[in-house]
Amino acid sequence: MRNKKISLEHGAGGKAMMNLIKQIAIKEISEKKVGPVGLNELDDGAAIDIGDENLIFTTDSHTIKPLFFPGGDIGKLAIAGTVNDLAVMGGKPLALSSAMVLSEGFPSEDLKKIIQSMNATAQKAGISLVTGDTKVMEKESLDEMIITTTGIGLANSLKTDGGLNLGDKIIVTGNIGEHETAIITRREGIEIGEGLRSDVAPIWDTVEAGLKIGGITAMKDPTRGGLAGTLNELASKSNIGISIYEDEIPIPSPVRNIGELLGIDPLQLTNEGKAVIGVEPERSKDVLEAIRKTENGKEAQIIGKTTKKPRKKVVLETEVGGKRLVRAPIGAPTPRIC
């Protein structure tokens, strides 16, 4: 990265962002861990041992455009995104902070709507917003607003994105690609009929239902980089292969159609209300059944399993019997998606 400038790719959740973090951020920070999971692990958050439990600690910034979109807004996204990062590490949401940077001239009524949305989403997730900060910048220096949320949760059983074992089944908790597709169609003015909305939602209840059954070995939420990026990260960190079945992946027709129209792989599209979960095979059906009983898990599917080879790779078995590698995206199809 020496003498190079930052591009939009470096914030898109793919290989470019990971290289930036590894080559600059991690190298320049000395103390990176105070518990079992820290900065070096590059998980969805950190874990701090506090006796019989782990305190899960995570932070996220939100720059989405437009601020209001089908199915949500930046306020709902800010709360749900942080709650979900806690959830996939096994953390029951406890408390949040929120820092807002506003552009001069930002409509106060829009701010009120966003804060009301944050409140409603926090209530639904069972988490308290306990502290925050507000700054205002000159209009020409900032486009509308940025929200940064930091969350803490408590985990009785810590989960990471590197815990998969051979033979584990892979569950995705619902339809993929809805969030990014909703944003793309709103930005581009594409009319595809009623019903396509972002999936943005807090998913602790869905994750908790699976945790109560037991047998979960690893979790991650497929946000930037989509299902493809998440599966590759799980495979790489677990030092194992993953095989997925094309006909089992829940892709709604509007997502598939927009993908074909714009040349975008649905597996690389951002999601904001889903989890990818590795489960011991003997408990996978029970976990799936429990997840399907929750509000945001009704479309959950077992989409694949872990394999011995090819190690650290993801293979898609197509509907016609072929196979292809599923690669992690370098960047993301759409900037400012979350």
C-alpha atoms as a PDB file:
ATOM      1  CA  MET A   1       0.000   0.000   0.000  1.00  0.00           C
ATOM      2  CA  ARG A   2       3.011   2.353   0.198  1.00  0.00           C
ATOM      3  CA  ASN A   3       2.453   5.551  -1.834  1.00  0.00           C
ATOM      4  CA  LYS A   4      -0.971   4.322  -2.940  1.00  0.00           C
ATOM      5  CA  LYS A   5      -4.252   6.072  -2.267  1.00  0.00           C
ATOM      6  CA  ILE A   6      -7.405   4.651  -0.749  1.00  0.00           C
ATOM      7  CA  SER A   7     -10.165   3.742  -3.222  1.00  0.00           C
ATOM      8  CA  LEU A   8     -13.815   2.781  -2.774  1.00  0.00           C
ATOM      9  CA  GLU A   9     -12.765  -0.863  -3.167  1.00  0.00           C
ATOM     10  CA  HIS A  10     -10.883  -0.642   0.128  1.00  0.00           C
ATOM     11  CA  GLY A  11     -14.152  -0.155   2.009  1.00  0.00           C
ATOM     12  CA  ALA A  12     -16.222  -2.733   0.169  1.00  0.00           C
ATOM     13  CA  GLY A  13     -15.664  -5.769   2.377  1.00  0.00           C
ATOM     14  CA  GLY A  14     -13.715  -7.859  -0.147  1.00  0.00           C
ATOM     15  CA  LYS A  15     -10.091  -8.804  -0.694  1.00  0.00           C
ATOM     16  CA  ALA A  16      -8.997  -5.198  -1.212  1.00  0.00           C
ATOM     17  CA  MET A  17     -10.326  -4.140   2.193  1.00  0.00           C
ATOM     18  CA  MET A  18      -8.807  -7.153   3.898  1.00  0.00           C
ATOM     19  CA  ASN A  19      -5.417  -6.391   2.352  1.00  0.00           C
ATOM     20  CA  LEU A  20      -5.652  -2.773   3.509  1.00  0.00           C
ATOM     21  CA  ILE A  21      -6.407  -3.836   7.077  1.00  0.00           C
ATOM     22  CA  LYS A  22      -3.639  -6.424   7.155  1.00  0.00           C
ATOM     23  CA  GLN A  23      -0.972  -4.309   5.446  1.00  0.00           C
ATOM     24  CA  ILE A  24      -1.547  -1.044   7.315  1.00  0.00           C
ATOM     25  CA  ALA A  25      -3.934  -1.153  10.267  1.00  0.00           C
ATOM     26  CA  ILE A  26      -2.858  -4.367  11.966  1.00  0.00           C
ATOM     27  CA  LYS A  27       0.854  -3.741  11.397  1.00  0.00           C
ATOM     28  CA  GLU A  28       0.707  -0.320  13.052  1.00  0.00           C
ATOM     29  CA  ILE A  29      -1.217  -1.374  16.190  1.00  0.00           C
ATOM     30  CA  SER A  30       0.735  -2.998  19.020  1.00  0.00           C
ATOM     31  CA  GLU A  31      -1.840  -4.198  21.546  1.00  0.00           C
ATOM     32  CA  LYS A  32      -4.625  -6.046  19.748  1.00  0.00           C
ATOM     33  CA  LYS A  33      -6.182  -8.446  22.259  1.00  0.00           C
ATOM     34  CA  VAL A  34      -7.438  -8.580  25.856  1.00  0.00           C
ATOM     35  CA  GLY A  35      -9.256 -11.906  25.565  1.00  0.00           C
ATOM     36  CA  PRO A  36      -9.694 -14.948  23.319  1.00  0.00           C
ATOM     37  CA  VAL A  37     -10.610 -12.934  20.186  1.00  0.00           C
ATOM     38  CA  GLY A  38      -8.973  -9.667  19.168  1.00  0.00           C
ATOM     39  CA  LEU A  39      -7.970  -7.628  16.141  1.00  0.00           C
ATOM     40  CA  ASN A  40      -5.697 -10.280  14.632  1.00  0.00           C
ATOM     41  CA  GLU A  41      -8.621 -12.677  14.264  1.00  0.00           C
ATOM     42  CA  LEU A  42     -10.579 -10.177  12.124  1.00  0.00           C
ATOM     43  CA  ASP A  43     -13.868 -11.619  13.342  1.00  0.00           C
ATOM     44  CA  ASP A  44     -17.142  -9.693  13.631  1.00  0.00           C
ATOM     45  CA  GLY A  45     -16.020  -8.356  17.002  1.00  0.00           C
ATOM     46  CA  ALA A  46     -13.734  -8.972  19.953  1.00  0.00           C
ATOM     47  CA  ALA A  47     -14.256 -11.265  22.936  1.00  0.00           C
ATOM     48  CA  ILE A  48     -13.119 -10.411  26.468  1.00  0.00           C
ATOM     49  CA  ASP A  49     -13.104 -13.163  29.105  1.00  0.00           C
ATOM     50  CA  ILE A  50     -15.035 -12.066  32.210  1.00  0.00           C
ATOM     51  CA  GLY A  51     -15.235 -15.379  34.040  1.00  0.00           C
ATOM     52  CA  ASP A  52     -17.950 -17.795  33.012  1.00  0.00           C
ATOM     53  CA  GLU A  53     -18.932 -15.577  30.080  1.00  0.00           C
ATOM     54  CA  ASN A  54     -17.326 -13.549  27.325  1.00  0.00           C
ATOM     55  CA  LEU A  55     -18.056  -9.877  26.772  1.00  0.00           C
ATOM     56  CA  ILE A  56     -18.515  -9.394  23.013  1.00  0.00           C
ATOM     57  CA  PHE A  57     -17.478  -5.961  21.747  1.00  0.00           C
ATOM     58  CA  THR A  58     -18.035  -4.674  18.210  1.00  0.00           C
ATOM     59  CA  THR A  59     -18.252  -1.418  16.245  1.00  0.00           C
ATOM     60  CA  ASP A  60     -19.486  -0.399  12.807  1.00  0.00           C
ATOM     61  CA  SER A  61     -19.891   2.754  10.717  1.00  0.00           C
ATOM     62  CA  HIS A  62     -22.833   3.286   8.371  1.00  0.00           C
ATOM     63  CA  THR A  63     -22.715   5.460   5.252  1.00  0.00           C
ATOM     64  CA  ILE A  64     -25.589   4.061   3.180  1.00  0.00           C
ATOM     65  CA  LYS A  65     -27.144   6.063   0.365  1.00  0.00           C
ATOM     66  CA  PRO A  66     -30.072   6.671   0.163  1.00  0.00           C
ATOM     67  CA  LEU A  67     -30.720   7.116   3.876  1.00  0.00           C
ATOM     68  CA  PHE A  68     -34.284   5.820   3.441  1.00  0.00           C
ATOM     69  CA  PHE A  69     -34.854   2.719   1.326  1.00  0.00           C
ATOM     70  CA  PRO A  70     -37.460  -0.047   0.889  1.00  0.00           C
ATOM     71  CA  GLY A  71     -37.549  -1.959   4.161  1.00  0.00           C
ATOM     72  CA  GLY A  72     -35.537   0.413   6.313  1.00  0.00           C
ATOM     73  CA  ASP A  73     -33.284   3.402   6.791  1.00  0.00           C
ATOM     74  CA  ILE A  74     -29.818   4.202   8.093  1.00  0.00           C
ATOM     75  CA  GLY A  75     -31.073   4.174  11.697  1.00  0.00           C
ATOM     76  CA  LYS A  76     -32.518   0.675  11.506  1.00  0.00           C
ATOM     77  CA  LEU A  77     -29.392  -0.478   9.682  1.00  0.00           C
ATOM     78  CA  ALA A  78     -27.054   0.982  12.306  1.00  0.00           C
ATOM     79  CA  ILE A  79     -28.756  -0.837  15.176  1.00  0.00           C
ATOM     80  CA  ALA A  80     -29.365  -4.119  13.356  1.00  0.00           C
ATOM     81  CA  GLY A  81     -25.854  -4.273  11.906  1.00  0.00           C
ATOM     82  CA  THR A  82     -24.185  -4.002  15.293  1.00  0.00           C
ATOM     83  CA  VAL A  83     -26.664  -6.324  17.028  1.00  0.00           C
ATOM     84  CA  ASN A  84     -26.054  -8.942  14.333  1.00  0.00           C
ATOM     85  CA  ASP A  85     -22.279  -8.746  14.726  1.00  0.00           C
ATOM     86  CA  LEU A  86     -22.772  -9.474  18.425  1.00  0.00           C
ATOM     87  CA  ALA A  87     -25.243 -12.266  17.681  1.00  0.00           C
ATOM     88  CA  VAL A  88     -23.014 -14.269  15.327  1.00  0.00           C
ATOM     89  CA  MET A  89     -20.358 -14.416  18.043  1.00  0.00           C
ATOM     90  CA  GLY A  90     -22.952 -15.813  20.434  1.00  0.00           C
ATOM     91  CA  GLY A  91     -23.471 -12.489  22.198  1.00  0.00           C
ATOM     92  CA  LYS A  92     -26.857 -11.603  23.659  1.00  0.00           C
ATOM     93  CA  PRO A  93     -27.224  -7.861  22.953  1.00  0.00           C
ATOM     94  CA  LEU A  94     -26.788  -5.685  26.042  1.00  0.00           C
ATOM     95  CA  ALA A  95     -25.924  -2.046  25.254  1.00  0.00           C
ATOM     96  CA  LEU A  96     -25.108   0.294  22.377  1.00  0.00           C
ATOM     97  CA  SER A  97     -23.468   3.642  21.811  1.00  0.00           C
ATOM     98  CA  SER A  98     -24.182   5.815  18.777  1.00  0.00           C
ATOM     99  CA  ALA A  99     -22.062   8.576  17.257  1.00  0.00           C
ATOM    100  CA  MET A 100     -23.648  10.703  14.533  1.00  0.00           C
ATOM    101  CA  VAL A 101     -21.900  13.079  12.162  1.00  0.00           C
ATOM    102  CA  LEU A 102     -24.443  15.316  10.409  1.00  0.00           C
ATOM    103  CA  SER A 103     -24.116  17.618   7.449  1.00  0.00           C
ATOM    104  CA  GLU A 104     -24.973  21.267   8.025  1.00  0.00           C
ATOM    105  CA  GLY A 105     -28.532  21.823   6.825  1.00  0.00           C
ATOM    106  CA  PHE A 106     -29.657  18.239   7.409  1.00  0.00           C
ATOM    107  CA  PRO A 107     -33.481  18.187   7.864  1.00  0.00           C
ATOM    108  CA  SER A 108     -34.418  17.877  11.532  1.00  0.00           C
ATOM    109  CA  GLU A 109     -37.544  15.887  10.631  1.00  0.00           C
ATOM    110  CA  ASP A 110     -35.406  13.288   8.859  1.00  0.00           C
ATOM    111  CA  LEU A 111     -33.152  13.083  11.905  1.00  0.00           C
ATOM    112  CA  LYS A 112     -36.193  12.530  14.115  1.00  0.00           C
ATOM    113  CA  LYS A 113     -37.429   9.710  11.845  1.00  0.00           C
ATOM    114  CA  ILE A 114     -33.998   8.060  11.897  1.00  0.00           C
ATOM    115  CA  ILE A 115     -33.743   8.224  15.688  1.00  0.00           C
ATOM    116  CA  GLN A 116     -37.270   6.845  16.037  1.00  0.00           C
ATOM    117  CA  SER A 117     -36.254   3.981  13.763  1.00  0.00           C
ATOM    118  CA  MET A 118     -33.143   3.342  15.859  1.00  0.00           C
ATOM    119  CA  ASN A 119     -35.290   3.236  18.979  1.00  0.00           C
ATOM    120  CA  ALA A 120     -37.832   0.826  17.484  1.00  0.00           C
ATOM    121  CA  THR A 121     -35.095  -1.506  16.232  1.00  0.00           C
ATOM    122  CA  ALA A 122     -33.253  -1.440  19.563  1.00  0.00           C
ATOM    123  CA  GLN A 123     -36.478  -2.265  21.402  1.00  0.00           C
ATOM    124  CA  LYS A 124     -37.109  -5.185  19.076  1.00  0.00           C
ATOM    125  CA  ALA A 125     -33.571  -6.462  19.624  1.00  0.00           C
ATOM    126  CA  GLY A 126     -33.799  -6.053  23.403  1.00  0.00           C
ATOM    127  CA  ILE A 127     -30.805  -3.727  23.586  1.00  0.00           C
ATOM    128  CA  SER A 128     -30.415  -0.311  25.253  1.00  0.00           C
ATOM    129  CA  LEU A 129     -28.848   2.721  23.583  1.00  0.00           C
ATOM    130  CA  VAL A 130     -26.969   4.151  26.566  1.00  0.00           C
ATOM    131  CA  THR A 131     -24.553   6.805  25.294  1.00  0.00           C
ATOM    132  CA  GLY A 132     -23.606   8.732  22.176  1.00  0.00           C
ATOM    133  CA  ASP A 133     -22.076  11.738  20.472  1.00  0.00           C
ATOM    134  CA  THR A 134     -23.158  14.219  17.794  1.00  0.00           C
ATOM    135  CA  LYS A 135     -21.061  16.350  15.456  1.00  0.00           C
ATOM    136  CA  VAL A 136     -21.997  18.658  12.559  1.00  0.00           C
ATOM    137  CA  MET A 137     -19.766  19.332   9.542  1.00  0.00           C
ATOM    138  CA  GLU A 138     -19.919  21.910   6.774  1.00  0.00           C
ATOM    139  CA  LYS A 139     -22.344  20.923   4.017  1.00  0.00           C
ATOM    140  CA  GLU A 140     -19.592  20.611   1.409  1.00  0.00           C
ATOM    141  CA  SER A 141     -17.551  18.329   3.686  1.00  0.00           C
ATOM    142  CA  LEU A 142     -20.123  15.576   4.272  1.00  0.00           C
ATOM    143  CA  ASP A 143     -22.932  14.004   2.267  1.00  0.00           C
ATOM    144  CA  GLU A 144     -25.919  13.881   4.662  1.00  0.00           C
ATOM    145  CA  MET A 145     -24.804  11.769   7.639  1.00  0.00           C
ATOM    146  CA  ILE A 146     -22.690   8.948   9.064  1.00  0.00           C
ATOM    147  CA  ILE A 147     -23.695   6.818  12.057  1.00  0.00           C
ATOM    148  CA  THR A 148     -21.192   4.757  14.038  1.00  0.00           C
ATOM    149  CA  THR A 149     -22.580   2.267  16.534  1.00  0.00           C
ATOM    150  CA  THR A 150     -20.643   0.270  19.104  1.00  0.00           C
ATOM    151  CA  GLY A 151     -22.221  -2.639  20.928  1.00  0.00           C
ATOM    152  CA  ILE A 152     -21.546  -5.022  23.777  1.00  0.00           C
ATOM    153  CA  GLY A 153     -23.164  -8.364  24.478  1.00  0.00           C
ATOM    154  CA  LEU A 154     -22.679 -11.381  26.713  1.00  0.00           C
ATOM    155  CA  ALA A 155     -21.876 -14.841  25.352  1.00  0.00           C
ATOM    156  CA  ASN A 156     -22.284 -18.003  27.395  1.00  0.00           C
ATOM    157  CA  SER A 157     -20.782 -19.936  24.501  1.00  0.00           C
ATOM    158  CA  LEU A 158     -18.399 -17.943  22.309  1.00  0.00           C
ATOM    159  CA  LYS A 159     -18.689 -18.555  18.563  1.00  0.00           C
ATOM    160  CA  THR A 160     -16.137 -17.477  15.961  1.00  0.00           C
ATOM    161  CA  ASP A 161     -15.867 -17.621  12.180  1.00  0.00           C
ATOM    162  CA  GLY A 162     -13.049 -20.163  12.339  1.00  0.00           C
ATOM    163  CA  GLY A 163     -14.660 -23.090  14.146  1.00  0.00           C
ATOM    164  CA  LEU A 164     -15.987 -25.303  11.345  1.00  0.00           C
ATOM    165  CA  ASN A 165     -15.278 -29.034  11.540  1.00  0.00           C
ATOM    166  CA  LEU A 166     -15.296 -31.713   8.846  1.00  0.00           C
ATOM    167  CA  GLY A 167     -18.831 -32.823   8.029  1.00  0.00           C
ATOM    168  CA  ASP A 168     -20.599 -29.772   9.444  1.00  0.00           C
ATOM    169  CA  LYS A 169     -23.738 -28.672   7.640  1.00  0.00           C
ATOM    170  CA  ILE A 170     -23.992 -25.065   6.440  1.00  0.00           C
ATOM    171  CA  ILE A 171     -27.224 -23.168   7.116  1.00  0.00           C
ATOM    172  CA  VAL A 172     -28.216 -19.775   5.746  1.00  0.00           C
ATOM    173  CA  THR A 173     -31.064 -18.286   7.756  1.00  0.00           C
ATOM    174  CA  GLY A 174     -33.089 -16.946   4.821  1.00  0.00           C
ATOM    175  CA  ASN A 175     -33.229 -15.431   1.341  1.00  0.00           C
ATOM    176  CA  ILE A 176     -30.008 -13.825   0.143  1.00  0.00           C
ATOM    177  CA  GLY A 177     -29.307 -10.654  -1.820  1.00  0.00           C
ATOM    178  CA  GLU A 178     -32.413  -8.684  -0.860  1.00  0.00           C
ATOM    179  CA  HIS A 179     -30.689  -5.733   0.826  1.00  0.00           C
ATOM    180  CA  GLU A 180     -28.295  -4.790  -1.951  1.00  0.00           C
ATOM    181  CA  THR A 181     -30.860  -5.469  -4.663  1.00  0.00           C
ATOM    182  CA  ALA A 182     -33.338  -3.139  -2.939  1.00  0.00           C
ATOM    183  CA  ILE A 183     -30.692  -0.396  -2.790  1.00  0.00           C
ATOM    184  CA  ILE A 184     -29.652  -0.881  -6.431  1.00  0.00           C
ATOM    185  CA  THR A 185     -33.214  -0.724  -7.733  1.00  0.00           C
ATOM    186  CA  ARG A 186     -33.978   2.395  -5.679  1.00  0.00           C
ATOM    187  CA  ARG A 187     -30.833   4.183  -6.874  1.00  0.00           C
ATOM    188  CA  GLU A 188     -31.265   3.225 -10.507  1.00  0.00           C
ATOM    189  CA  GLY A 189     -35.030   3.707 -10.635  1.00  0.00           C
ATOM    190  CA  ILE A 190     -35.594   0.119 -11.758  1.00  0.00           C
ATOM    191  CA  GLU A 191     -39.229  -0.972 -11.460  1.00  0.00           C
ATOM    192  CA  ILE A 192     -39.662  -4.665 -10.661  1.00  0.00           C
ATOM    193  CA  GLY A 193     -43.050  -4.650  -8.966  1.00  0.00           C
ATOM    194  CA  GLU A 194     -44.040  -4.702  -5.327  1.00  0.00           C
ATOM    195  CA  GLY A 195     -42.420  -6.736  -2.599  1.00  0.00           C
ATOM    196  CA  LEU A 196     -38.661  -6.291  -2.930  1.00  0.00           C
ATOM    197  CA  ARG A 197     -37.394  -4.861   0.339  1.00  0.00           C
ATOM    198  CA  SER A 198     -34.139  -4.867   2.241  1.00  0.00           C
ATOM    199  CA  ASP A 199     -33.859  -7.737   4.705  1.00  0.00           C
ATOM    200  CA  VAL A 200     -32.344  -5.416   7.344  1.00  0.00           C
ATOM    201  CA  ALA A 201     -33.361  -6.694  10.789  1.00  0.00           C
ATOM    202  CA  PRO A 202     -31.809  -7.693  14.119  1.00  0.00           C
ATOM    203  CA  ILE A 203     -31.430 -11.484  14.187  1.00  0.00           C
ATOM    204  CA  TRP A 204     -30.520 -12.297  17.792  1.00  0.00           C
ATOM    205  CA  ASP A 205     -33.790 -14.218  18.255  1.00  0.00           C
ATOM    206  CA  THR A 206     -32.995 -16.355  15.205  1.00  0.00           C
ATOM    207  CA  VAL A 207     -29.449 -17.067  16.349  1.00  0.00           C
ATOM    208  CA  GLU A 208     -30.558 -17.700  19.929  1.00  0.00           C
ATOM    209  CA  ALA A 209     -33.052 -20.321  18.744  1.00  0.00           C
ATOM    210  CA  GLY A 210     -30.221 -22.249  17.114  1.00  0.00           C
ATOM    211  CA  LEU A 211     -27.882 -21.827  20.073  1.00  0.00           C
ATOM    212  CA  LYS A 212     -30.488 -23.335  22.406  1.00  0.00           C
ATOM    213  CA  ILE A 213     -30.473 -26.538  20.343  1.00  0.00           C
ATOM    214  CA  GLY A 214     -26.669 -26.739  20.390  1.00  0.00           C
ATOM    215  CA  GLY A 215     -24.130 -28.052  17.921  1.00  0.00           C
ATOM    216  CA  ILE A 216     -23.294 -24.695  16.322  1.00  0.00           C
ATOM    217  CA  THR A 217     -19.582 -24.564  15.484  1.00  0.00           C
ATOM    218  CA  ALA A 218     -19.197 -21.242  13.630  1.00  0.00           C
ATOM    219  CA  MET A 219     -21.229 -18.225  12.529  1.00  0.00           C
ATOM    220  CA  LYS A 220     -20.907 -15.104  10.424  1.00  0.00           C
ATOM    221  CA  ASP A 221     -23.323 -12.573   8.924  1.00  0.00           C
ATOM    222  CA  PRO A 222     -23.052 -12.244   5.125  1.00  0.00           C
ATOM    223  CA  THR A 223     -22.939  -8.461   4.827  1.00  0.00           C
ATOM    224  CA  ARG A 224     -20.395  -6.828   2.461  1.00  0.00           C
ATOM    225  CA  GLY A 225     -19.038  -9.522   0.162  1.00  0.00           C
ATOM    226  CA  GLY A 226     -22.278 -11.458   0.464  1.00  0.00           C
ATOM    227  CA  LEU A 227     -22.615 -15.197   0.850  1.00  0.00           C
ATOM    228  CA  ALA A 228     -19.557 -15.767  -1.353  1.00  0.00           C
ATOM    229  CA  GLY A 229     -17.271 -13.650   0.813  1.00  0.00           C
ATOM    230  CA  THR A 230     -18.622 -15.105   4.047  1.00  0.00           C
ATOM    231  CA  LEU A 231     -18.245 -18.728   2.979  1.00  0.00           C
ATOM    232  CA  ASN A 232     -14.695 -18.127   1.779  1.00  0.00           C
ATOM    233  CA  GLU A 233     -13.787 -16.498   5.077  1.00  0.00           C
ATOM    234  CA  LEU A 234     -15.303 -19.367   7.072  1.00  0.00           C
ATOM    235  CA  ALA A 235     -13.458 -21.930   4.937  1.00  0.00           C
ATOM    236  CA  SER A 236     -10.136 -20.096   5.113  1.00  0.00           C
ATOM    237  CA  LYS A 237     -10.188 -19.468   8.853  1.00  0.00           C
ATOM    238  CA  SER A 238     -11.381 -23.007   9.602  1.00  0.00           C
ATOM    239  CA  ASN A 239      -8.777 -24.529   7.245  1.00  0.00           C
ATOM    240  CA  ILE A 240     -11.455 -26.630   5.581  1.00  0.00           C
ATOM    241  CA  GLY A 241     -13.395 -26.887   2.325  1.00  0.00           C
ATOM    242  CA  ILE A 242     -17.046 -25.993   1.809  1.00  0.00           C
ATOM    243  CA  SER A 243     -19.367 -27.467  -0.808  1.00  0.00           C
ATOM    244  CA  ILE A 244     -22.714 -25.749  -1.480  1.00  0.00           C
ATOM    245  CA  TYR A 245     -25.658 -26.769  -3.637  1.00  0.00           C
ATOM    246  CA  GLU A 246     -27.030 -24.250  -6.126  1.00  0.00           C
ATOM    247  CA  ASP A 247     -30.587 -25.586  -5.969  1.00  0.00           C
ATOM    248  CA  GLU A 248     -30.699 -25.227  -2.166  1.00  0.00           C
ATOM    249  CA  ILE A 249     -29.614 -21.571  -1.965  1.00  0.00           C
ATOM    250  CA  PRO A 250     -32.674 -19.366  -1.303  1.00  0.00           C
ATOM    251  CA  ILE A 251     -32.445 -16.636  -3.959  1.00  0.00           C
ATOM    252  CA  PRO A 252     -35.727 -14.743  -4.583  1.00  0.00           C
ATOM    253  CA  SER A 253     -36.738 -14.247  -8.221  1.00  0.00           C
ATOM    254  CA  PRO A 254     -36.335 -10.415  -8.142  1.00  0.00           C
ATOM    255  CA  VAL A 255     -32.770 -10.797  -6.856  1.00  0.00           C
ATOM    256  CA  ARG A 256     -31.945 -13.359  -9.529  1.00  0.00           C
ATOM    257  CA  ASN A 257     -33.544 -11.242 -12.267  1.00  0.00           C
ATOM    258  CA  ILE A 258     -31.716  -8.044 -11.293  1.00  0.00           C
ATOM    259  CA  GLY A 259     -28.484 -10.011 -11.074  1.00  0.00           C
ATOM    260  CA  GLU A 260     -28.944 -11.272 -14.622  1.00  0.00           C
ATOM    261  CA  LEU A 261     -29.919  -7.807 -15.867  1.00  0.00           C
ATOM    262  CA  LEU A 262     -26.883  -6.073 -14.359  1.00  0.00           C
ATOM    263  CA  GLY A 263     -24.380  -8.935 -14.499  1.00  0.00           C
ATOM    264  CA  ILE A 264     -24.107  -9.245 -10.707  1.00  0.00           C
ATOM    265  CA  ASP A 265     -23.644 -12.571  -8.909  1.00  0.00           C
ATOM    266  CA  PRO A 266     -26.363 -12.879  -6.212  1.00  0.00           C
ATOM    267  CA  LEU A 267     -23.861 -14.753  -4.041  1.00  0.00           C
ATOM    268  CA  GLN A 268     -21.825 -11.533  -3.757  1.00  0.00           C
ATOM    269  CA  LEU A 269     -24.722  -9.264  -2.764  1.00  0.00           C
ATOM    270  CA  THR A 270     -24.866  -7.689   0.699  1.00  0.00           C
ATOM    271  CA  ASN A 271     -27.361  -8.974   3.269  1.00  0.00           C
ATOM    272  CA  GLU A 272     -28.338  -7.207   6.498  1.00  0.00           C
ATOM    273  CA  GLY A 273     -30.620  -9.678   8.260  1.00  0.00           C
ATOM    274  CA  LYS A 274     -29.086 -13.101   7.762  1.00  0.00           C
ATOM    275  CA  ALA A 275     -26.529 -15.437   9.321  1.00  0.00           C
ATOM    276  CA  VAL A 276     -24.440 -18.266   7.905  1.00  0.00           C
ATOM    277  CA  ILE A 277     -24.133 -21.024  10.486  1.00  0.00           C
ATOM    278  CA  GLY A 278     -22.020 -24.173  10.707  1.00  0.00           C
ATOM    279  CA  VAL A 279     -23.707 -27.002  12.624  1.00  0.00           C
ATOM    280  CA  GLU A 280     -22.735 -30.514  13.649  1.00  0.00           C
ATOM    281  CA  PRO A 281     -24.504 -32.830  11.172  1.00  0.00           C
ATOM    282  CA  GLU A 282     -26.498 -34.764  13.760  1.00  0.00           C
ATOM    283  CA  ARG A 283     -28.082 -31.553  15.086  1.00  0.00           C
ATOM    284  CA  SER A 284     -28.470 -29.659  11.822  1.00  0.00           C
ATOM    285  CA  LYS A 285     -32.120 -30.549  11.166  1.00  0.00           C
ATOM    286  CA  ASP A 286     -33.141 -29.616  14.715  1.00  0.00           C
ATOM    287  CA  VAL A 287     -31.285 -26.296  14.472  1.00  0.00           C
ATOM    288  CA  LEU A 288     -32.896 -25.609  11.084  1.00  0.00           C
ATOM    289  CA  GLU A 289     -36.352 -26.364  12.471  1.00  0.00           C
ATOM    290  CA  ALA A 290     -35.804 -24.047  15.451  1.00  0.00           C
ATOM    291  CA  ILE A 291     -34.556 -21.220  13.218  1.00  0.00           C
ATOM    292  CA  ARG A 292     -37.540 -21.567  10.872  1.00  0.00           C
ATOM    293  CA  LYS A 293     -39.886 -20.885  13.791  1.00  0.00           C
ATOM    294  CA  THR A 294     -38.453 -17.369  14.237  1.00  0.00           C
ATOM    295  CA  GLU A 295     -39.653 -14.241  12.434  1.00  0.00           C
ATOM    296  CA  ASN A 296     -36.541 -13.818  10.287  1.00  0.00           C
ATOM    297  CA  GLY A 297     -35.713 -17.492   9.804  1.00  0.00           C
ATOM    298  CA  LYS A 298     -38.740 -18.820   7.944  1.00  0.00           C
ATOM    299  CA  GLU A 299     -36.820 -19.279   4.662  1.00  0.00           C
ATOM    300  CA  ALA A 300     -33.737 -20.871   6.247  1.00  0.00           C
ATOM    301  CA  GLN A 301     -32.056 -23.689   4.336  1.00  0.00           C
ATOM    302  CA  ILE A 302     -29.228 -26.162   4.677  1.00  0.00           C
ATOM    303  CA  ILE A 303     -27.175 -25.150   1.636  1.00  0.00           C
ATOM    304  CA  GLY A 304     -24.080 -27.318   1.926  1.00  0.00           C
ATOM    305  CA  LYS A 305     -21.465 -28.995   4.065  1.00  0.00           C
ATOM    306  CA  THR A 306     -17.794 -28.849   4.937  1.00  0.00           C
ATOM    307  CA  THR A 307     -15.335 -31.053   3.061  1.00  0.00           C
ATOM    308  CA  LYS A 308     -11.739 -32.183   3.406  1.00  0.00           C
ATOM    309  CA  LYS A 309     -10.729 -30.853  -0.023  1.00  0.00           C
ATOM    310  CA  PRO A 310     -10.190 -28.436  -1.643  1.00  0.00           C
ATOM    311  CA  ARG A 311      -8.981 -26.898   1.610  1.00  0.00           C
ATOM    312  CA  LYS A 312      -9.873 -23.224   2.178  1.00  0.00           C
ATOM    313  CA  LYS A 313     -12.002 -23.193  -0.980  1.00  0.00           C
ATOM    314  CA  VAL A 314     -15.740 -23.013  -1.670  1.00  0.00           C
ATOM    315  CA  VAL A 315     -17.210 -25.194  -4.423  1.00  0.00           C
ATOM    316  CA  LEU A 316     -20.677 -24.701  -5.903  1.00  0.00           C
ATOM    317  CA  GLU A 317     -22.428 -27.812  -7.218  1.00  0.00           C
ATOM    318  CA  THR A 318     -24.656 -26.466  -9.999  1.00  0.00           C
ATOM    319  CA  GLU A 319     -28.217 -27.467 -10.812  1.00  0.00           C
ATOM    320  CA  VAL A 320     -27.012 -29.268 -13.961  1.00  0.00           C
ATOM    321  CA  GLY A 321     -24.379 -31.316 -12.147  1.00  0.00           C
ATOM    322  CA  GLY A 322     -21.288 -29.196 -12.752  1.00  0.00           C
ATOM    323  CA  LYS A 323     -18.929 -27.650 -10.243  1.00  0.00           C
ATOM    324  CA  ARG A 324     -17.243 -24.259  -9.987  1.00  0.00           C
ATOM    325  CA  LEU A 325     -15.208 -22.378  -7.444  1.00  0.00           C
ATOM    326  CA  VAL A 326     -16.985 -19.594  -5.580  1.00  0.00           C
ATOM    327  CA  ARG A 327     -14.474 -16.799  -5.120  1.00  0.00           C
ATOM    328  CA  ALA A 328     -14.541 -13.966  -2.622  1.00  0.00           C
ATOM    329  CA  PRO A 329     -15.167 -10.620  -4.346  1.00  0.00           C
ATOM    330  CA  ILE A 330     -12.314  -8.129  -4.606  1.00  0.00           C
ATOM    331  CA  GLY A 331     -14.656  -5.247  -3.838  1.00  0.00           C
ATOM    332  CA  ALA A 332     -18.433  -4.842  -3.887  1.00  0.00           C
ATOM    333  CA  PRO A 333     -20.794  -4.212  -6.818  1.00  0.00           C
ATOM    334  CA  THR A 334     -22.339  -1.189  -5.097  1.00  0.00           C
ATOM    335  CA  PRO A 335     -20.601   1.502  -2.990  1.00  0.00           C
ATOM    336  CA  ARG A 336     -22.197   2.885   0.199  1.00  0.00           C
ATOM    337  CA  ILE A 337     -24.387  -0.179   0.604  1.00  0.00           C
ATOM    338  CA  CYS A 338     -24.343  -0.241   4.401  1.00  0.00           C
END
